[in-house]
């Protein structure tokens, strides 16, 4: 196989359009994102913040509503608490900027 040569025709910006589709996209097993979710534990009332740059979404799909699993350990009660929030939806799109 030979090497492909790419010739730059112009360095001027050309107008363009982007068409985002709402079809479902399956992502890898773990998806990290610069997002934080804040919720109050329904059992003890403690405020819990999950940072999705550390706590990933597991087997996520885009454009389809789902419930997100929240949990924390209450030190005072020495108990683990779990609950779900949602529905939420993960969207990935490309945006034209000026």
PDB file of N, CA and C in Angstrom:
ATOM      1  N   UNK A   1       0.843  -1.176   0.000  1.00  0.00           N
ATOM      2  CA  UNK A   1       0.000   0.000   0.000  1.00  0.00           C
ATOM      3  C   UNK A   1       0.884   1.234   0.000  1.00  0.00           C
ATOM      4  N   UNK A   2       0.552   2.173  -0.848  1.00  0.00           N
ATOM      5  CA  UNK A   2       1.314   3.403  -0.947  1.00  0.00           C
ATOM      6  C   UNK A   2       0.865   4.415   0.087  1.00  0.00           C
ATOM      7  N   UNK A   3       1.641   5.445   0.215  1.00  0.00           N
ATOM      8  CA  UNK A   3       1.333   6.510   1.151  1.00  0.00           C
ATOM      9  C   UNK A   3       0.315   7.455   0.523  1.00  0.00           C
ATOM     10  N   UNK A   4      -0.668   7.891   1.251  1.00  0.00           N
ATOM     11  CA  UNK A   4      -1.689   8.802   0.745  1.00  0.00           C
ATOM     12  C   UNK A   4      -1.211  10.233   0.898  1.00  0.00           C
ATOM     13  N   UNK A   5      -1.288  11.014  -0.156  1.00  0.00           N
ATOM     14  CA  UNK A   5      -0.877  12.409  -0.136  1.00  0.00           C
ATOM     15  C   UNK A   5      -2.121  13.274  -0.077  1.00  0.00           C
ATOM     16  N   UNK A   6      -2.167  14.204   0.896  1.00  0.00           N
ATOM     17  CA  UNK A   6      -3.290  15.115   1.029  1.00  0.00           C
ATOM     18  C   UNK A   6      -2.813  16.507   0.689  1.00  0.00           C
ATOM     19  N   UNK A   7      -3.491  17.143  -0.236  1.00  0.00           N
ATOM     20  CA  UNK A   7      -3.123  18.491  -0.637  1.00  0.00           C
ATOM     21  C   UNK A   7      -4.109  19.474  -0.011  1.00  0.00           C
ATOM     22  N   UNK A   8      -3.588  20.499   0.676  1.00  0.00           N
ATOM     23  CA  UNK A   8      -4.429  21.532   1.256  1.00  0.00           C
ATOM     24  C   UNK A   8      -4.773  22.512   0.150  1.00  0.00           C
ATOM     25  N   UNK A   9      -6.079  22.608  -0.143  1.00  0.00           N
ATOM     26  CA  UNK A   9      -6.539  23.450  -1.242  1.00  0.00           C
ATOM     27  C   UNK A   9      -6.666  24.893  -0.788  1.00  0.00           C
ATOM     28  N   UNK A  10      -7.166  25.121   0.423  1.00  0.00           N
ATOM     29  CA  UNK A  10      -7.388  26.474   0.901  1.00  0.00           C
ATOM     30  C   UNK A  10      -7.311  26.480   2.420  1.00  0.00           C
ATOM     31  N   UNK A  11      -6.840  27.582   2.981  1.00  0.00           N
ATOM     32  CA  UNK A  11      -6.858  27.704   4.439  1.00  0.00           C
ATOM     33  C   UNK A  11      -7.989  28.617   4.893  1.00  0.00           C
ATOM     34  N   UNK A  12      -8.832  29.063   3.942  1.00  0.00           N
ATOM     35  CA  UNK A  12      -9.991  29.874   4.290  1.00  0.00           C
ATOM     36  C   UNK A  12     -11.064  28.994   4.908  1.00  0.00           C
ATOM     37  N   UNK A  13     -11.849  29.588   5.808  1.00  0.00           N
ATOM     38  CA  UNK A  13     -12.968  28.860   6.385  1.00  0.00           C
ATOM     39  C   UNK A  13     -14.106  28.816   5.383  1.00  0.00           C
ATOM     40  N   UNK A  14     -14.701  27.665   5.227  1.00  0.00           N
ATOM     41  CA  UNK A  14     -15.811  27.459   4.315  1.00  0.00           C
ATOM     42  C   UNK A  14     -17.055  27.235   5.166  1.00  0.00           C
ATOM     43  N   UNK A  15     -18.180  27.834   4.777  1.00  0.00           N
ATOM     44  CA  UNK A  15     -19.419  27.650   5.520  1.00  0.00           C
ATOM     45  C   UNK A  15     -19.858  26.184   5.446  1.00  0.00           C
ATOM     46  N   UNK A  16     -20.505  25.708   6.475  1.00  0.00           N
ATOM     47  CA  UNK A  16     -20.930  24.311   6.533  1.00  0.00           C
ATOM     48  C   UNK A  16     -22.129  24.180   7.463  1.00  0.00           C
ATOM     49  N   UNK A  17     -22.781  23.050   7.403  1.00  0.00           N
ATOM     50  CA  UNK A  17     -23.898  22.731   8.288  1.00  0.00           C
ATOM     51  C   UNK A  17     -23.612  21.412   8.983  1.00  0.00           C
ATOM     52  N   UNK A  18     -24.184  21.243  10.158  1.00  0.00           N
ATOM     53  CA  UNK A  18     -24.060  19.992  10.907  1.00  0.00           C
ATOM     54  C   UNK A  18     -25.462  19.463  11.159  1.00  0.00           C
ATOM     55  N   UNK A  19     -25.662  18.181  10.933  1.00  0.00           N
ATOM     56  CA  UNK A  19     -26.951  17.543  11.168  1.00  0.00           C
ATOM     57  C   UNK A  19     -26.761  16.447  12.208  1.00  0.00           C
ATOM     58  N   UNK A  20     -27.184  16.706  13.425  1.00  0.00           N
ATOM     59  CA  UNK A  20     -27.088  15.708  14.495  1.00  0.00           C
ATOM     60  C   UNK A  20     -28.305  14.794  14.436  1.00  0.00           C
ATOM     61  N   UNK A  21     -28.078  13.521  14.604  1.00  0.00           N
ATOM     62  CA  UNK A  21     -29.126  12.513  14.558  1.00  0.00           C
ATOM     63  C   UNK A  21     -29.395  12.028  15.975  1.00  0.00           C
ATOM     64  N   UNK A  22     -30.639  11.783  16.322  1.00  0.00           N
ATOM     65  CA  UNK A  22     -30.994  11.330  17.668  1.00  0.00           C
ATOM     66  C   UNK A  22     -30.999   9.819  17.820  1.00  0.00           C
ATOM     67  N   UNK A  23     -30.362   9.119  16.893  1.00  0.00           N
ATOM     68  CA  UNK A  23     -30.302   7.660  17.029  1.00  0.00           C
ATOM     69  C   UNK A  23     -29.474   7.266  18.246  1.00  0.00           C
ATOM     70  N   UNK A  24     -29.760   6.111  18.774  1.00  0.00           N
ATOM     71  CA  UNK A  24     -29.032   5.578  19.923  1.00  0.00           C
ATOM     72  C   UNK A  24     -27.625   5.170  19.506  1.00  0.00           C
ATOM     73  N   UNK A  25     -26.641   5.526  20.343  1.00  0.00           N
ATOM     74  CA  UNK A  25     -25.250   5.151  20.120  1.00  0.00           C
ATOM     75  C   UNK A  25     -24.810   4.344  21.335  1.00  0.00           C
ATOM     76  N   UNK A  26     -24.307   3.146  21.121  1.00  0.00           N
ATOM     77  CA  UNK A  26     -23.782   2.350  22.224  1.00  0.00           C
ATOM     78  C   UNK A  26     -22.320   2.722  22.419  1.00  0.00           C
ATOM     79  N   UNK A  27     -21.974   3.048  23.647  1.00  0.00           N
ATOM     80  CA  UNK A  27     -20.607   3.436  23.975  1.00  0.00           C
ATOM     81  C   UNK A  27     -19.890   2.268  24.639  1.00  0.00           C
ATOM     82  N   UNK A  28     -18.633   2.439  24.947  1.00  0.00           N
ATOM     83  CA  UNK A  28     -17.874   1.394  25.634  1.00  0.00           C
ATOM     84  C   UNK A  28     -18.449   1.113  27.022  1.00  0.00           C
ATOM     85  N   UNK A  29     -17.915   0.113  27.667  1.00  0.00           N
ATOM     86  CA  UNK A  29     -18.390  -0.341  28.978  1.00  0.00           C
ATOM     87  C   UNK A  29     -18.448   0.785  30.002  1.00  0.00           C
ATOM     88  N   UNK A  30     -17.445   1.642  30.022  1.00  0.00           N
ATOM     89  CA  UNK A  30     -17.382   2.743  31.001  1.00  0.00           C
ATOM     90  C   UNK A  30     -17.270   4.071  30.269  1.00  0.00           C
ATOM     91  N   UNK A  31     -18.068   5.052  30.722  1.00  0.00           N
ATOM     92  CA  UNK A  31     -18.046   6.372  30.105  1.00  0.00           C
ATOM     93  C   UNK A  31     -17.842   7.417  31.192  1.00  0.00           C
ATOM     94  N   UNK A  32     -16.730   8.111  31.135  1.00  0.00           N
ATOM     95  CA  UNK A  32     -16.422   9.179  32.080  1.00  0.00           C
ATOM     96  C   UNK A  32     -16.798  10.509  31.444  1.00  0.00           C
ATOM     97  N   UNK A  33     -17.312  11.446  32.233  1.00  0.00           N
ATOM     98  CA  UNK A  33     -17.729  12.741  31.693  1.00  0.00           C
ATOM     99  C   UNK A  33     -17.489  13.830  32.733  1.00  0.00           C
ATOM    100  N   UNK A  34     -17.237  15.067  32.287  1.00  0.00           N
ATOM    101  CA  UNK A  34     -17.035  16.176  33.223  1.00  0.00           C
ATOM    102  C   UNK A  34     -18.382  16.696  33.738  1.00  0.00           C
ATOM    103  N   UNK A  35     -19.074  15.842  34.498  1.00  0.00           N
ATOM    104  CA  UNK A  35     -20.419  16.132  35.004  1.00  0.00           C
ATOM    105  C   UNK A  35     -20.493  15.733  36.467  1.00  0.00           C
ATOM    106  N   UNK A  36     -21.183  16.545  37.257  1.00  0.00           N
ATOM    107  CA  UNK A  36     -21.443  16.189  38.660  1.00  0.00           C
ATOM    108  C   UNK A  36     -22.954  16.095  38.874  1.00  0.00           C
ATOM    109  N   UNK A  37     -23.368  15.098  39.646  1.00  0.00           N
ATOM    110  CA  UNK A  37     -24.780  14.905  39.976  1.00  0.00           C
ATOM    111  C   UNK A  37     -24.924  15.048  41.486  1.00  0.00           C
ATOM    112  N   UNK A  38     -25.838  15.915  41.891  1.00  0.00           N
ATOM    113  CA  UNK A  38     -26.076  16.167  43.314  1.00  0.00           C
ATOM    114  C   UNK A  38     -27.478  15.678  43.664  1.00  0.00           C
ATOM    115  N   UNK A  39     -27.571  14.870  44.721  1.00  0.00           N
ATOM    116  CA  UNK A  39     -28.853  14.323  45.146  1.00  0.00           C
ATOM    117  C   UNK A  39     -28.849  14.157  46.661  1.00  0.00           C
ATOM    118  N   UNK A  40     -30.014  14.245  47.231  1.00  0.00           N
ATOM    119  CA  UNK A  40     -30.161  14.018  48.673  1.00  0.00           C
ATOM    120  C   UNK A  40     -30.540  12.561  48.887  1.00  0.00           C
ATOM    121  N   UNK A  41     -29.843  11.901  49.812  1.00  0.00           N
ATOM    122  CA  UNK A  41     -30.139  10.511  50.137  1.00  0.00           C
ATOM    123  C   UNK A  41     -31.549  10.447  50.742  1.00  0.00           C
ATOM    124  N   UNK A  42     -32.442   9.634  50.169  1.00  0.00           N
ATOM    125  CA  UNK A  42     -33.802   9.553  50.690  1.00  0.00           C
ATOM    126  C   UNK A  42     -33.890   8.878  52.062  1.00  0.00           C
ATOM    127  N   UNK A  43     -32.852   8.163  52.460  1.00  0.00           N
ATOM    128  CA  UNK A  43     -32.892   7.462  53.745  1.00  0.00           C
ATOM    129  C   UNK A  43     -32.403   8.330  54.902  1.00  0.00           C
ATOM    130  N   UNK A  44     -31.289   9.068  54.692  1.00  0.00           N
ATOM    131  CA  UNK A  44     -30.707   9.828  55.803  1.00  0.00           C
ATOM    132  C   UNK A  44     -30.677  11.333  55.565  1.00  0.00           C
ATOM    133  N   UNK A  45     -30.979  11.776  54.334  1.00  0.00           N
ATOM    134  CA  UNK A  45     -31.005  13.199  54.037  1.00  0.00           C
ATOM    135  C   UNK A  45     -29.653  13.814  53.712  1.00  0.00           C
ATOM    136  N   UNK A  46     -28.589  13.021  53.727  1.00  0.00           N
ATOM    137  CA  UNK A  46     -27.260  13.547  53.431  1.00  0.00           C
ATOM    138  C   UNK A  46     -27.160  13.924  51.950  1.00  0.00           C
ATOM    139  N   UNK A  47     -26.516  15.053  51.664  1.00  0.00           N
ATOM    140  CA  UNK A  47     -26.298  15.474  50.286  1.00  0.00           C
ATOM    141  C   UNK A  47     -25.115  14.696  49.718  1.00  0.00           C
ATOM    142  N   UNK A  48     -25.335  14.087  48.561  1.00  0.00           N
ATOM    143  CA  UNK A  48     -24.314  13.264  47.914  1.00  0.00           C
ATOM    144  C   UNK A  48     -24.045  13.850  46.531  1.00  0.00           C
ATOM    145  N   UNK A  49     -22.770  14.003  46.201  1.00  0.00           N
ATOM    146  CA  UNK A  49     -22.380  14.490  44.882  1.00  0.00           C
ATOM    147  C   UNK A  49     -21.533  13.411  44.213  1.00  0.00           C
ATOM    148  N   UNK A  50     -21.976  12.987  43.037  1.00  0.00           N
ATOM    149  CA  UNK A  50     -21.215  12.018  42.243  1.00  0.00           C
ATOM    150  C   UNK A  50     -20.553  12.764  41.098  1.00  0.00           C
ATOM    151  N   UNK A  51     -19.252  12.632  40.978  1.00  0.00           N
ATOM    152  CA  UNK A  51     -18.482  13.252  39.906  1.00  0.00           C
ATOM    153  C   UNK A  51     -18.247  12.183  38.842  1.00  0.00           C
ATOM    154  N   UNK A  52     -18.834  12.363  37.673  1.00  0.00           N
ATOM    155  CA  UNK A  52     -18.725  11.349  36.629  1.00  0.00           C
ATOM    156  C   UNK A  52     -17.372  11.336  35.944  1.00  0.00           C
ATOM    157  N   UNK A  53     -16.468  12.227  36.349  1.00  0.00           N
ATOM    158  CA  UNK A  53     -15.101  12.099  35.855  1.00  0.00           C
ATOM    159  C   UNK A  53     -14.352  11.061  36.698  1.00  0.00           C
ATOM    160  N   UNK A  54     -14.912  10.707  37.852  1.00  0.00           N
ATOM    161  CA  UNK A  54     -14.372   9.632  38.705  1.00  0.00           C
ATOM    162  C   UNK A  54     -15.301   8.417  38.731  1.00  0.00           C
ATOM    163  N   UNK A  55     -16.599   8.667  38.788  1.00  0.00           N
ATOM    164  CA  UNK A  55     -17.624   7.616  38.838  1.00  0.00           C
ATOM    165  C   UNK A  55     -18.272   7.534  37.459  1.00  0.00           C
ATOM    166  N   UNK A  56     -17.998   6.465  36.739  1.00  0.00           N
ATOM    167  CA  UNK A  56     -18.404   6.363  35.349  1.00  0.00           C
ATOM    168  C   UNK A  56     -19.860   5.916  35.194  1.00  0.00           C
ATOM    169  N   UNK A  57     -20.393   6.156  33.996  1.00  0.00           N
ATOM    170  CA  UNK A  57     -21.665   5.558  33.601  1.00  0.00           C
ATOM    171  C   UNK A  57     -21.331   4.168  33.066  1.00  0.00           C
ATOM    172  N   UNK A  58     -22.073   3.171  33.476  1.00  0.00           N
ATOM    173  CA  UNK A  58     -21.803   1.800  33.075  1.00  0.00           C
ATOM    174  C   UNK A  58     -22.690   1.398  31.901  1.00  0.00           C
ATOM    175  N   UNK A  59     -22.077   0.928  30.822  1.00  0.00           N
ATOM    176  CA  UNK A  59     -22.760   0.525  29.595  1.00  0.00           C
ATOM    177  C   UNK A  59     -23.799   1.555  29.157  1.00  0.00           C
ATOM    178  N   UNK A  60     -23.404   2.810  29.000  1.00  0.00           N
ATOM    179  CA  UNK A  60     -24.387   3.835  28.651  1.00  0.00           C
ATOM    180  C   UNK A  60     -24.782   3.785  27.174  1.00  0.00           C
ATOM    181  N   UNK A  61     -25.970   4.259  26.894  1.00  0.00           N
ATOM    182  CA  UNK A  61     -26.394   4.499  25.524  1.00  0.00           C
ATOM    183  C   UNK A  61     -26.864   5.945  25.452  1.00  0.00           C
ATOM    184  N   UNK A  62     -26.808   6.515  24.270  1.00  0.00           N
ATOM    185  CA  UNK A  62     -27.199   7.903  24.110  1.00  0.00           C
ATOM    186  C   UNK A  62     -28.653   7.998  23.660  1.00  0.00           C
ATOM    187  N   UNK A  63     -29.236   9.156  23.923  1.00  0.00           N
ATOM    188  CA  UNK A  63     -30.562   9.513  23.434  1.00  0.00           C
ATOM    189  C   UNK A  63     -31.691   8.615  23.929  1.00  0.00           C
ATOM    190  N   UNK A  64     -31.452   7.831  24.961  1.00  0.00           N
ATOM    191  CA  UNK A  64     -32.472   6.975  25.563  1.00  0.00           C
ATOM    192  C   UNK A  64     -32.501   7.240  27.070  1.00  0.00           C
ATOM    193  N   UNK A  65     -33.652   7.579  27.629  1.00  0.00           N
ATOM    194  CA  UNK A  65     -33.733   7.842  29.079  1.00  0.00           C
ATOM    195  C   UNK A  65     -33.336   6.611  29.904  1.00  0.00           C
ATOM    196  N   UNK A  66     -32.680   6.869  31.023  1.00  0.00           N
ATOM    197  CA  UNK A  66     -32.313   5.796  31.952  1.00  0.00           C
ATOM    198  C   UNK A  66     -32.259   6.360  33.363  1.00  0.00           C
ATOM    199  N   UNK A  67     -32.259   5.465  34.338  1.00  0.00           N
ATOM    200  CA  UNK A  67     -32.124   5.856  35.745  1.00  0.00           C
ATOM    201  C   UNK A  67     -30.652   5.729  36.126  1.00  0.00           C
ATOM    202  N   UNK A  68     -30.169   6.663  36.947  1.00  0.00           N
ATOM    203  CA  UNK A  68     -28.780   6.623  37.405  1.00  0.00           C
ATOM    204  C   UNK A  68     -28.740   6.150  38.850  1.00  0.00           C
ATOM    205  N   UNK A  69     -27.814   5.255  39.138  1.00  0.00           N
ATOM    206  CA  UNK A  69     -27.654   4.656  40.459  1.00  0.00           C
ATOM    207  C   UNK A  69     -26.797   5.558  41.345  1.00  0.00           C
ATOM    208  N   UNK A  70     -27.335   5.959  42.480  1.00  0.00           N
ATOM    209  CA  UNK A  70     -26.591   6.753  43.469  1.00  0.00           C
ATOM    210  C   UNK A  70     -26.355   5.875  44.699  1.00  0.00           C
ATOM    211  N   UNK A  71     -25.257   6.116  45.392  1.00  0.00           N
ATOM    212  CA  UNK A  71     -24.986   5.407  46.644  1.00  0.00           C
ATOM    213  C   UNK A  71     -24.001   6.197  47.489  1.00  0.00           C
ATOM    214  N   UNK A  72     -23.961   5.876  48.764  1.00  0.00           N
ATOM    215  CA  UNK A  72     -22.958   6.443  49.673  1.00  0.00           C
ATOM    216  C   UNK A  72     -22.952   5.633  50.957  1.00  0.00           C
ATOM    217  N   UNK A  73     -21.921   5.818  51.739  1.00  0.00           N
ATOM    218  CA  UNK A  73     -21.817   5.162  53.039  1.00  0.00           C
ATOM    219  C   UNK A  73     -22.044   6.218  54.114  1.00  0.00           C
ATOM    220  N   UNK A  74     -23.038   5.989  54.963  1.00  0.00           N
ATOM    221  CA  UNK A  74     -23.318   6.888  56.071  1.00  0.00           C
ATOM    222  C   UNK A  74     -22.484   6.424  57.260  1.00  0.00           C
ATOM    223  N   UNK A  75     -21.477   7.232  57.603  1.00  0.00           N
ATOM    224  CA  UNK A  75     -20.549   6.874  58.680  1.00  0.00           C
ATOM    225  C   UNK A  75     -21.252   6.792  60.034  1.00  0.00           C
ATOM    226  N   UNK A  76     -22.138   7.736  60.295  1.00  0.00           N
ATOM    227  CA  UNK A  76     -22.827   7.793  61.591  1.00  0.00           C
ATOM    228  C   UNK A  76     -23.689   6.553  61.833  1.00  0.00           C
ATOM    229  N   UNK A  77     -24.421   6.153  60.812  1.00  0.00           N
ATOM    230  CA  UNK A  77     -25.291   4.978  60.930  1.00  0.00           C
ATOM    231  C   UNK A  77     -24.566   3.683  60.585  1.00  0.00           C
ATOM    232  N   UNK A  78     -23.364   3.790  60.041  1.00  0.00           N
ATOM    233  CA  UNK A  78     -22.585   2.645  59.569  1.00  0.00           C
ATOM    234  C   UNK A  78     -23.399   1.792  58.610  1.00  0.00           C
ATOM    235  N   UNK A  79     -24.004   2.473  57.624  1.00  0.00           N
ATOM    236  CA  UNK A  79     -24.841   1.807  56.631  1.00  0.00           C
ATOM    237  C   UNK A  79     -24.493   2.292  55.227  1.00  0.00           C
ATOM    238  N   UNK A  80     -24.687   1.413  54.254  1.00  0.00           N
ATOM    239  CA  UNK A  80     -24.595   1.792  52.850  1.00  0.00           C
ATOM    240  C   UNK A  80     -26.007   2.087  52.357  1.00  0.00           C
ATOM    241  N   UNK A  81     -26.171   3.200  51.670  1.00  0.00           N
ATOM    242  CA  UNK A  81     -27.476   3.588  51.134  1.00  0.00           C
ATOM    243  C   UNK A  81     -27.403   3.638  49.618  1.00  0.00           C
ATOM    244  N   UNK A  82     -28.448   3.147  48.958  1.00  0.00           N
ATOM    245  CA  UNK A  82     -28.522   3.142  47.499  1.00  0.00           C
ATOM    246  C   UNK A  82     -29.896   3.616  47.052  1.00  0.00           C
ATOM    247  N   UNK A  83     -29.933   4.388  45.943  1.00  0.00           N
ATOM    248  CA  UNK A  83     -31.186   4.835  45.356  1.00  0.00           C
ATOM    249  C   UNK A  83     -30.939   5.197  43.901  1.00  0.00           C
ATOM    250  N   UNK A  84     -32.012   5.393  43.170  1.00  0.00           N
ATOM    251  CA  UNK A  84     -31.902   5.759  41.757  1.00  0.00           C
ATOM    252  C   UNK A  84     -32.515   7.128  41.543  1.00  0.00           C
ATOM    253  N   UNK A  85     -31.933   7.871  40.592  1.00  0.00           N
ATOM    254  CA  UNK A  85     -32.483   9.155  40.176  1.00  0.00           C
ATOM    255  C   UNK A  85     -32.793   9.069  38.686  1.00  0.00           C
ATOM    256  N   UNK A  86     -33.647   9.931  38.237  1.00  0.00           N
ATOM    257  CA  UNK A  86     -33.916   9.965  36.811  1.00  0.00           C
ATOM    258  C   UNK A  86     -35.389  10.130  36.539  1.00  0.00           C
ATOM    259  N   UNK A  87     -35.718  10.004  35.283  1.00  0.00           N
ATOM    260  CA  UNK A  87     -34.835   9.606  34.192  1.00  0.00           C
ATOM    261  C   UNK A  87     -33.908  10.732  33.747  1.00  0.00           C
ATOM    262  N   UNK A  88     -32.766  10.337  33.215  1.00  0.00           N
ATOM    263  CA  UNK A  88     -31.793  11.254  32.619  1.00  0.00           C
ATOM    264  C   UNK A  88     -31.480  10.722  31.220  1.00  0.00           C
ATOM    265  N   UNK A  89     -30.862  11.559  30.395  1.00  0.00           N
ATOM    266  CA  UNK A  89     -30.486  11.121  29.050  1.00  0.00           C
ATOM    267  C   UNK A  89     -29.103  11.677  28.724  1.00  0.00           C
ATOM    268  N   UNK A  90     -28.275  10.866  28.102  1.00  0.00           N
ATOM    269  CA  UNK A  90     -26.942  11.256  27.669  1.00  0.00           C
ATOM    270  C   UNK A  90     -27.015  11.612  26.194  1.00  0.00           C
ATOM    271  N   UNK A  91     -26.584  12.822  25.858  1.00  0.00           N
ATOM    272  CA  UNK A  91     -26.596  13.264  24.463  1.00  0.00           C
ATOM    273  C   UNK A  91     -25.174  13.629  24.039  1.00  0.00           C
ATOM    274  N   UNK A  92     -24.814  13.233  22.834  1.00  0.00           N
ATOM    275  CA  UNK A  92     -23.532  13.597  22.247  1.00  0.00           C
ATOM    276  C   UNK A  92     -23.832  14.252  20.912  1.00  0.00           C
ATOM    277  N   UNK A  93     -23.319  15.459  20.731  1.00  0.00           N
ATOM    278  CA  UNK A  93     -23.562  16.147  19.474  1.00  0.00           C
ATOM    279  C   UNK A  93     -22.381  17.030  19.115  1.00  0.00           C
ATOM    280  N   UNK A  94     -22.339  17.375  17.861  1.00  0.00           N
ATOM    281  CA  UNK A  94     -21.308  18.258  17.330  1.00  0.00           C
ATOM    282  C   UNK A  94     -21.964  19.614  17.100  1.00  0.00           C
ATOM    283  N   UNK A  95     -21.278  20.684  17.496  1.00  0.00           N
ATOM    284  CA  UNK A  95     -21.840  22.031  17.430  1.00  0.00           C
ATOM    285  C   UNK A  95     -20.908  22.963  16.668  1.00  0.00           C
ATOM    286  N   UNK A  96     -21.471  23.737  15.796  1.00  0.00           N
ATOM    287  CA  UNK A  96     -20.715  24.725  15.036  1.00  0.00           C
ATOM    288  C   UNK A  96     -20.494  25.952  15.937  1.00  0.00           C
ATOM    289  N   UNK A  97     -19.273  26.452  15.977  1.00  0.00           N
ATOM    290  CA  UNK A  97     -18.965  27.648  16.778  1.00  0.00           C
ATOM    291  C   UNK A  97     -18.401  28.738  15.868  1.00  0.00           C
ATOM    292  N   UNK A  98     -18.501  29.948  16.312  1.00  0.00           N
ATOM    293  CA  UNK A  98     -18.013  31.083  15.512  1.00  0.00           C
ATOM    294  C   UNK A  98     -16.569  31.373  15.839  1.00  0.00           C
TER     295      UNK A  98
END
